Amino acid sequence: MKEKLLIDGEATQDMIMCHYPAAIEFDGMLYVIATASYKREDLKSRGAVLFTIDLKNL
């Protein structure tokens, strides 16, 4: 089994957590979208994040 770490709990551009992921594979790419929580004061609400993973690189 191959795996890829998308986020490790450390803030990434002030993103601290992802929720409710959904994924689709198309043409050798895996697209994962999720809601995201942010820690900065001006980003207190949730947003979205899209991870694009080239499956050939796993």
C-alpha atoms as a PDB file:
ATOM      1  CA  MET A   1       0.000   0.000   0.000  1.00  0.00           C
ATOM      2  CA  LYS A   2       1.302   3.431  -0.913  1.00  0.00           C
ATOM      3  CA  GLU A   3       0.402   6.526   1.072  1.00  0.00           C
ATOM      4  CA  LYS A   4       0.835  10.279   0.937  1.00  0.00           C
ATOM      5  CA  LEU A   5       0.677  12.627   3.928  1.00  0.00           C
ATOM      6  CA  LEU A   6      -1.554  15.577   3.061  1.00  0.00           C
ATOM      7  CA  ILE A   7      -1.323  17.488   6.353  1.00  0.00           C
ATOM      8  CA  ASP A   8       0.408  16.446   9.564  1.00  0.00           C
ATOM      9  CA  GLY A   9      -1.344  18.589  12.160  1.00  0.00           C
ATOM     10  CA  GLU A  10       1.127  21.439  11.831  1.00  0.00           C
ATOM     11  CA  ALA A  11      -0.296  24.657  10.433  1.00  0.00           C
ATOM     12  CA  THR A  12       0.115  24.904   6.673  1.00  0.00           C
ATOM     13  CA  GLN A  13      -0.528  28.492   5.571  1.00  0.00           C
ATOM     14  CA  ASP A  14      -2.524  28.811   8.814  1.00  0.00           C
ATOM     15  CA  MET A  15      -4.594  25.715   8.039  1.00  0.00           C
ATOM     16  CA  ILE A  16      -4.732  23.476  11.081  1.00  0.00           C
ATOM     17  CA  MET A  17      -7.242  20.761  10.196  1.00  0.00           C
ATOM     18  CA  CYS A  18      -9.163  19.239   7.285  1.00  0.00           C
ATOM     19  CA  HIS A  19     -12.685  17.821   7.552  1.00  0.00           C
ATOM     20  CA  TYR A  20     -15.004  15.777   5.328  1.00  0.00           C
ATOM     21  CA  PRO A  21     -12.631  14.818   2.519  1.00  0.00           C
ATOM     22  CA  ALA A  22     -13.876  13.578  -0.834  1.00  0.00           C
ATOM     23  CA  ALA A  23     -11.683  12.247  -3.634  1.00  0.00           C
ATOM     24  CA  ILE A  24     -11.806  11.379  -7.298  1.00  0.00           C
ATOM     25  CA  GLU A  25      -9.163   9.866  -9.586  1.00  0.00           C
ATOM     26  CA  PHE A  26      -8.917  11.071 -13.175  1.00  0.00           C
ATOM     27  CA  ASP A  27      -6.222  10.521 -15.777  1.00  0.00           C
ATOM     28  CA  GLY A  28      -3.550   9.432 -13.291  1.00  0.00           C
ATOM     29  CA  MET A  29      -4.252  12.243 -10.822  1.00  0.00           C
ATOM     30  CA  LEU A  30      -6.024  12.034  -7.469  1.00  0.00           C
ATOM     31  CA  TYR A  31      -8.006  15.118  -6.470  1.00  0.00           C
ATOM     32  CA  VAL A  32      -8.935  15.418  -2.782  1.00  0.00           C
ATOM     33  CA  ILE A  33     -11.106  18.295  -1.589  1.00  0.00           C
ATOM     34  CA  ALA A  34     -11.962  19.014   2.033  1.00  0.00           C
ATOM     35  CA  THR A  35     -13.198  21.771   4.264  1.00  0.00           C
ATOM     36  CA  ALA A  36     -10.380  23.422   6.181  1.00  0.00           C
ATOM     37  CA  SER A  37     -10.130  25.142   9.567  1.00  0.00           C
ATOM     38  CA  TYR A  38      -7.782  28.083   9.979  1.00  0.00           C
ATOM     39  CA  LYS A  39      -6.132  29.479  13.105  1.00  0.00           C
ATOM     40  CA  ARG A  40      -5.554  33.120  12.122  1.00  0.00           C
ATOM     41  CA  GLU A  41      -7.916  35.690  13.610  1.00  0.00           C
ATOM     42  CA  ASP A  42      -9.063  36.932  10.195  1.00  0.00           C
ATOM     43  CA  LEU A  43      -9.736  33.342   9.023  1.00  0.00           C
ATOM     44  CA  LYS A  44     -11.848  32.046  11.913  1.00  0.00           C
ATOM     45  CA  SER A  45     -14.335  30.329   9.644  1.00  0.00           C
ATOM     46  CA  ARG A  46     -13.833  27.280   7.486  1.00  0.00           C
ATOM     47  CA  GLY A  47     -12.719  27.344   3.896  1.00  0.00           C
ATOM     48  CA  ALA A  48     -11.798  24.688   1.369  1.00  0.00           C
ATOM     49  CA  VAL A  49      -8.574  23.072   0.259  1.00  0.00           C
ATOM     50  CA  LEU A  50      -7.807  21.017  -2.849  1.00  0.00           C
ATOM     51  CA  PHE A  51      -4.928  18.547  -2.898  1.00  0.00           C
ATOM     52  CA  THR A  52      -3.765  17.393  -6.332  1.00  0.00           C
ATOM     53  CA  ILE A  53      -1.672  14.223  -6.229  1.00  0.00           C
ATOM     54  CA  ASP A  54       0.120  12.706  -9.208  1.00  0.00           C
ATOM     55  CA  LEU A  55      -0.363   8.976  -8.649  1.00  0.00           C
ATOM     56  CA  LYS A  56       2.764   8.156 -10.693  1.00  0.00           C
ATOM     57  CA  ASN A  57       4.849   9.806  -7.955  1.00  0.00           C
ATOM     58  CA  LEU A  58       3.554   7.605  -5.155  1.00  0.00           C
END
